[in-house]
N, C-alpha and C. Protein backbone atom coordinates (compact mmCIF):
# COMPACT_ATOMS: atom_id res chain seq x y z
N MET A 1 4.81 -35.56 -26.70
CA MET A 1 5.45 -35.16 -27.93
C MET A 1 6.88 -35.40 -28.12
N THR A 2 7.35 -35.87 -28.63
CA THR A 2 8.81 -35.76 -28.62
C THR A 2 9.58 -34.95 -28.82
N ALA A 3 10.93 -35.20 -28.41
CA ALA A 3 12.18 -34.23 -28.01
C ALA A 3 11.95 -33.80 -29.81
N CYS A 4 11.96 -34.21 -30.76
CA CYS A 4 12.68 -33.99 -32.01
C CYS A 4 11.25 -32.97 -32.81
N VAL A 5 10.24 -33.83 -32.12
CA VAL A 5 9.10 -32.59 -32.92
C VAL A 5 9.35 -31.30 -32.04
N CYS A 6 9.75 -31.26 -30.74
CA CYS A 6 9.56 -30.03 -29.86
C CYS A 6 10.86 -29.36 -30.83
N THR A 7 11.84 -29.45 -31.16
CA THR A 7 12.69 -28.71 -31.57
C THR A 7 12.39 -28.56 -32.77
N ILE A 8 11.62 -29.28 -33.85
CA ILE A 8 11.14 -28.48 -35.19
C ILE A 8 10.36 -27.19 -34.95
N ILE A 9 9.22 -27.40 -34.00
CA ILE A 9 8.22 -26.63 -33.80
C ILE A 9 8.97 -25.48 -33.24
N ALA A 10 9.59 -25.61 -32.48
CA ALA A 10 10.66 -24.32 -31.84
C ALA A 10 11.51 -23.66 -32.64
N PHE A 11 12.17 -24.26 -34.03
CA PHE A 11 12.85 -23.58 -34.71
C PHE A 11 11.57 -22.92 -35.64
N ALA A 12 10.49 -23.50 -36.18
CA ALA A 12 9.55 -23.16 -36.86
C ALA A 12 9.35 -21.83 -36.29
N ILE A 13 8.92 -21.59 -34.85
CA ILE A 13 8.53 -20.19 -34.47
C ILE A 13 9.67 -19.34 -34.41
N PHE A 14 10.58 -19.80 -33.89
CA PHE A 14 12.24 -18.61 -33.98
C PHE A 14 11.86 -18.31 -35.42
N LEU A 15 11.89 -18.74 -36.60
CA LEU A 15 11.96 -18.55 -37.84
C LEU A 15 10.84 -17.41 -37.94
N VAL A 16 9.57 -17.65 -37.45
CA VAL A 16 8.48 -16.56 -37.40
C VAL A 16 8.93 -15.03 -36.87
N PHE A 17 9.73 -15.23 -35.74
CA PHE A 17 10.52 -13.68 -35.60
C PHE A 17 11.61 -13.36 -35.90
N LEU A 18 11.87 -14.21 -36.99
CA LEU A 18 13.55 -13.80 -37.51
C LEU A 18 13.87 -12.14 -37.90
N PRO A 19 14.74 -11.56 -37.66
CA PRO A 19 14.77 -10.03 -38.38
C PRO A 19 15.23 -10.10 -39.41
N THR A 20 15.31 -9.51 -40.32
CA THR A 20 15.86 -9.43 -41.47
C THR A 20 17.42 -8.82 -41.51
N HIS A 21 17.43 -7.88 -40.81
CA HIS A 21 18.70 -7.27 -40.88
C HIS A 21 19.02 -6.52 -42.03
N GLY A 22 17.96 -6.16 -42.45
CA GLY A 22 17.92 -5.03 -43.84
C GLY A 22 18.66 -5.79 -45.06
N ARG A 23 18.25 -7.11 -45.14
CA ARG A 23 19.09 -7.66 -46.23
C ARG A 23 17.60 -8.38 -47.02
N ALA A 24 17.52 -7.38 -47.93
CA ALA A 24 15.98 -8.25 -48.42
C ALA A 24 16.22 -9.10 -49.67
N ASP A 25 17.12 -9.31 -50.01
CA ASP A 25 17.70 -10.10 -51.12
C ASP A 25 18.66 -11.61 -50.70
N ALA A 26 18.78 -11.31 -49.53
CA ALA A 26 20.08 -12.47 -48.62
C ALA A 26 18.90 -13.59 -48.42
N ARG A 27 19.30 -14.64 -48.48
CA ARG A 27 18.55 -15.96 -47.57
C ARG A 27 19.46 -15.68 -45.93
N PRO A 28 18.76 -16.28 -45.21
CA PRO A 28 19.45 -15.99 -43.74
C PRO A 28 20.39 -17.21 -43.55
N LEU A 29 21.50 -17.31 -42.75
CA LEU A 29 22.40 -18.08 -42.78
C LEU A 29 22.36 -18.68 -41.34
N PHE A 30 21.75 -20.40 -41.26
CA PHE A 30 21.86 -20.56 -39.78
C PHE A 30 22.72 -21.92 -39.64
N CYS A 31 23.68 -21.74 -38.86
CA CYS A 31 24.77 -23.00 -38.28
C CYS A 31 23.84 -23.88 -37.54
N VAL A 32 24.06 -25.12 -37.79
CA VAL A 32 23.31 -26.23 -37.33
C VAL A 32 24.35 -27.17 -35.93
N LEU A 33 24.66 -26.69 -34.84
CA LEU A 33 25.46 -28.06 -34.86
C LEU A 33 25.24 -28.79 -33.73
N VAL A 34 25.32 -29.97 -34.24
CA VAL A 34 24.96 -31.05 -33.47
C VAL A 34 26.06 -32.33 -32.90
N PRO A 35 25.92 -33.22 -31.96
CA PRO A 35 27.18 -33.50 -31.75
C PRO A 35 27.51 -34.81 -32.68
N HIS A 36 26.15 -35.80 -33.60
CA HIS A 36 26.58 -36.56 -34.53
C HIS A 36 25.18 -37.07 -35.49
N PHE A 37 25.19 -37.68 -36.59
CA PHE A 37 24.35 -38.08 -37.21
C PHE A 37 24.08 -39.50 -37.01
N LYS A 38 24.59 -40.19 -36.13
CA LYS A 38 24.52 -41.67 -35.68
C LYS A 38 23.63 -42.60 -35.34
N ASP A 39 22.19 -41.57 -35.15
CA ASP A 39 21.37 -42.29 -34.46
C ASP A 39 19.65 -41.74 -35.16
N ASP A 40 18.87 -42.38 -35.13
CA ASP A 40 17.43 -42.21 -35.51
C ASP A 40 17.09 -40.75 -35.08
N TYR A 41 17.76 -40.23 -33.63
CA TYR A 41 17.38 -38.92 -33.29
C TYR A 41 17.50 -37.82 -34.04
N TRP A 42 19.01 -37.55 -34.15
CA TRP A 42 19.90 -36.78 -34.83
C TRP A 42 19.28 -36.51 -36.49
N LEU A 43 19.29 -37.97 -37.08
CA LEU A 43 18.99 -37.58 -37.83
C LEU A 43 17.41 -37.13 -38.52
N SER A 44 16.52 -37.25 -37.80
CA SER A 44 15.44 -36.78 -37.77
C SER A 44 15.41 -35.29 -37.66
N VAL A 45 16.03 -34.98 -36.49
CA VAL A 45 16.11 -33.47 -36.27
C VAL A 45 16.89 -33.02 -37.59
N GLY A 46 17.93 -33.40 -37.88
CA GLY A 46 18.28 -33.09 -39.20
C GLY A 46 17.21 -32.66 -40.21
N PHE A 47 16.69 -33.74 -40.42
CA PHE A 47 15.56 -34.02 -41.30
C PHE A 47 14.77 -32.81 -41.42
N GLY A 48 14.43 -32.77 -40.11
CA GLY A 48 12.91 -32.07 -39.92
C GLY A 48 13.55 -30.24 -40.05
N LEU A 49 14.79 -30.19 -39.96
CA LEU A 49 15.18 -28.50 -40.06
C LEU A 49 15.46 -28.53 -41.35
N GLU A 50 15.85 -29.43 -41.93
CA GLU A 50 16.22 -29.19 -43.69
C GLU A 50 14.95 -28.85 -44.39
N GLN A 51 13.81 -29.83 -43.81
CA GLN A 51 12.03 -29.77 -44.29
C GLN A 51 11.96 -28.11 -43.86
N GLU A 52 11.76 -27.36 -42.86
CA GLU A 52 11.30 -26.37 -42.36
C GLU A 52 12.08 -24.99 -43.03
N ALA A 53 13.58 -25.28 -43.07
CA ALA A 53 14.42 -24.25 -43.75
C ALA A 53 14.04 -24.04 -45.03
N ALA A 54 13.91 -25.09 -45.83
CA ALA A 54 13.51 -25.04 -46.94
C ALA A 54 12.05 -23.92 -47.50
N ARG A 55 10.89 -24.41 -46.31
CA ARG A 55 9.67 -23.87 -46.49
C ARG A 55 9.93 -22.38 -46.04
N GLN A 56 10.99 -21.89 -45.18
CA GLN A 56 11.21 -20.55 -44.69
C GLN A 56 12.20 -19.67 -45.52
N ASN A 57 13.16 -20.63 -46.56
CA ASN A 57 13.79 -20.11 -47.35
C ASN A 57 15.12 -19.92 -46.58
N VAL A 58 15.69 -20.50 -45.71
CA VAL A 58 16.68 -20.11 -45.03
C VAL A 58 18.07 -21.07 -45.30
N THR A 59 18.91 -20.57 -45.51
CA THR A 59 19.76 -21.54 -45.74
C THR A 59 20.57 -22.42 -44.29
N LEU A 60 21.06 -23.49 -44.61
CA LEU A 60 21.37 -24.30 -42.75
C LEU A 60 22.92 -24.88 -43.68
N LEU A 61 23.64 -24.51 -42.53
CA LEU A 61 25.00 -25.31 -42.43
C LEU A 61 25.03 -25.74 -41.38
N PHE A 62 25.12 -27.57 -42.07
CA PHE A 62 25.57 -28.38 -40.59
C PHE A 62 26.91 -28.75 -40.45
N PHE A 63 27.16 -28.87 -39.03
CA PHE A 63 28.40 -29.37 -38.54
C PHE A 63 27.78 -30.21 -37.38
N GLU A 64 28.78 -31.28 -37.24
CA GLU A 64 28.97 -32.58 -36.76
C GLU A 64 30.42 -32.32 -36.22
N ALA A 65 30.05 -32.55 -34.77
CA ALA A 65 31.08 -32.33 -33.91
C ALA A 65 31.89 -33.89 -33.64
N GLY A 66 31.06 -35.04 -33.80
CA GLY A 66 31.86 -36.19 -33.65
C GLY A 66 31.82 -36.78 -32.55
N GLY A 67 30.84 -36.48 -31.55
CA GLY A 67 30.75 -37.17 -30.39
C GLY A 67 30.35 -36.76 -29.36
N TYR A 68 29.27 -37.18 -28.51
CA TYR A 68 28.97 -36.30 -26.94
C TYR A 68 30.37 -35.59 -26.39
N ARG A 69 31.33 -36.33 -26.57
CA ARG A 69 32.21 -35.77 -26.12
C ARG A 69 33.26 -34.90 -26.88
N ALA A 70 33.27 -34.48 -27.74
CA ALA A 70 33.58 -33.80 -28.66
C ALA A 70 33.51 -31.97 -28.57
N ARG A 71 33.98 -31.76 -27.36
CA ARG A 71 33.49 -30.14 -26.77
C ARG A 71 34.19 -29.21 -27.74
N THR A 72 35.46 -29.63 -27.68
CA THR A 72 36.53 -28.77 -28.13
C THR A 72 36.05 -28.79 -29.88
N ALA A 73 35.69 -29.43 -30.51
CA ALA A 73 35.43 -29.48 -32.17
C ALA A 73 34.07 -28.74 -31.89
N GLN A 74 33.08 -28.67 -30.93
CA GLN A 74 31.75 -28.22 -30.91
C GLN A 74 32.25 -26.80 -30.88
N ILE A 75 32.92 -26.30 -30.21
CA ILE A 75 33.53 -24.71 -30.03
C ILE A 75 34.01 -24.13 -31.03
N ASP A 76 34.93 -24.96 -31.81
CA ASP A 76 35.76 -24.69 -32.99
C ASP A 76 34.58 -24.58 -33.98
N GLN A 77 33.95 -25.11 -34.26
CA GLN A 77 32.73 -25.23 -35.03
C GLN A 77 31.74 -23.76 -34.78
N LEU A 78 31.41 -23.50 -33.70
CA LEU A 78 30.39 -22.22 -33.01
C LEU A 78 31.35 -20.99 -33.47
N ASP A 79 32.93 -21.03 -33.37
CA ASP A 79 33.52 -19.80 -33.70
C ASP A 79 33.59 -19.69 -35.36
N ALA A 80 33.85 -20.97 -35.93
CA ALA A 80 33.30 -20.80 -37.61
C ALA A 80 32.13 -20.53 -38.01
N CYS A 81 30.91 -20.61 -36.94
CA CYS A 81 29.71 -20.00 -37.89
C CYS A 81 29.67 -18.37 -37.19
N VAL A 82 30.59 -18.03 -36.26
CA VAL A 82 30.33 -16.91 -36.05
C VAL A 82 31.11 -16.09 -36.93
N ALA A 83 32.36 -16.34 -37.63
CA ALA A 83 33.37 -16.19 -38.43
C ALA A 83 31.89 -16.08 -39.93
N ARG A 84 31.40 -16.84 -40.23
CA ARG A 84 30.58 -16.74 -41.23
C ARG A 84 29.41 -15.64 -41.36
N GLY A 85 29.52 -15.07 -39.89
CA GLY A 85 28.23 -14.37 -39.64
C GLY A 85 27.06 -14.50 -39.95
N ALA A 86 26.94 -16.26 -39.17
CA ALA A 86 25.46 -16.94 -39.26
C ALA A 86 24.59 -15.82 -38.29
N ASP A 87 23.14 -15.86 -39.00
CA ASP A 87 22.12 -15.23 -38.17
C ASP A 87 21.69 -16.04 -36.93
N ALA A 88 21.87 -17.16 -37.24
CA ALA A 88 21.36 -17.81 -35.89
C ALA A 88 22.42 -18.90 -36.05
N ILE A 89 22.45 -19.61 -34.63
CA ILE A 89 23.10 -21.03 -34.58
C ILE A 89 22.48 -21.46 -33.55
N LEU A 90 21.85 -22.73 -34.35
CA LEU A 90 21.34 -23.81 -33.39
C LEU A 90 22.05 -24.65 -32.85
N ILE A 91 22.12 -25.35 -31.50
CA ILE A 91 22.85 -25.96 -31.02
C ILE A 91 22.37 -26.87 -30.28
N GLY A 92 22.90 -28.13 -30.79
CA GLY A 92 23.04 -29.60 -30.17
C GLY A 92 24.14 -30.10 -29.18
N ALA A 93 24.09 -29.64 -27.99
CA ALA A 93 25.42 -29.32 -27.12
C ALA A 93 25.94 -30.60 -26.69
N VAL A 94 27.07 -30.85 -26.92
CA VAL A 94 27.90 -31.97 -26.50
C VAL A 94 28.30 -31.43 -24.93
N ILE A 95 28.84 -32.39 -23.94
CA ILE A 95 29.11 -32.73 -23.25
C ILE A 95 30.57 -33.16 -22.78
N LEU A 96 31.62 -32.36 -21.89
CA LEU A 96 32.97 -33.00 -21.63
C LEU A 96 32.94 -34.55 -21.05
N ILE A 97 31.79 -34.65 -20.06
CA ILE A 97 31.96 -35.92 -19.16
C ILE A 97 30.66 -36.39 -18.84
N ILE A 98 30.22 -37.87 -19.62
CA ILE A 98 29.07 -38.43 -19.40
C ILE A 98 28.74 -38.93 -18.28
N PRO A 99 28.19 -38.91 -17.63
CA PRO A 99 27.97 -39.28 -16.16
C PRO A 99 27.51 -40.83 -15.95
N THR A 100 28.49 -41.70 -14.98
CA THR A 100 28.03 -43.01 -15.38
C THR A 100 27.00 -43.94 -14.54
């Protein structure tokens, strides 16, 4: 099973157990933080998340950090998600140093 399929399955399972927070009329807001959308892996993760979010009636807000070394940008994006009151934050984490 590929990592992308596992990510989508984990997202679907998470949605099944999502609490409603007493907001029957509001769609849950999920932030999705990814390093980039420059390759097929992250593009397919984004596509799968969009498909499942539509099926589960969840609003997704995507943030692209700008690369694997964009730690500061991703931290700022995480703060923005918290400030927006996101119900969940899905993180494809970046790293500061890529091993050689």
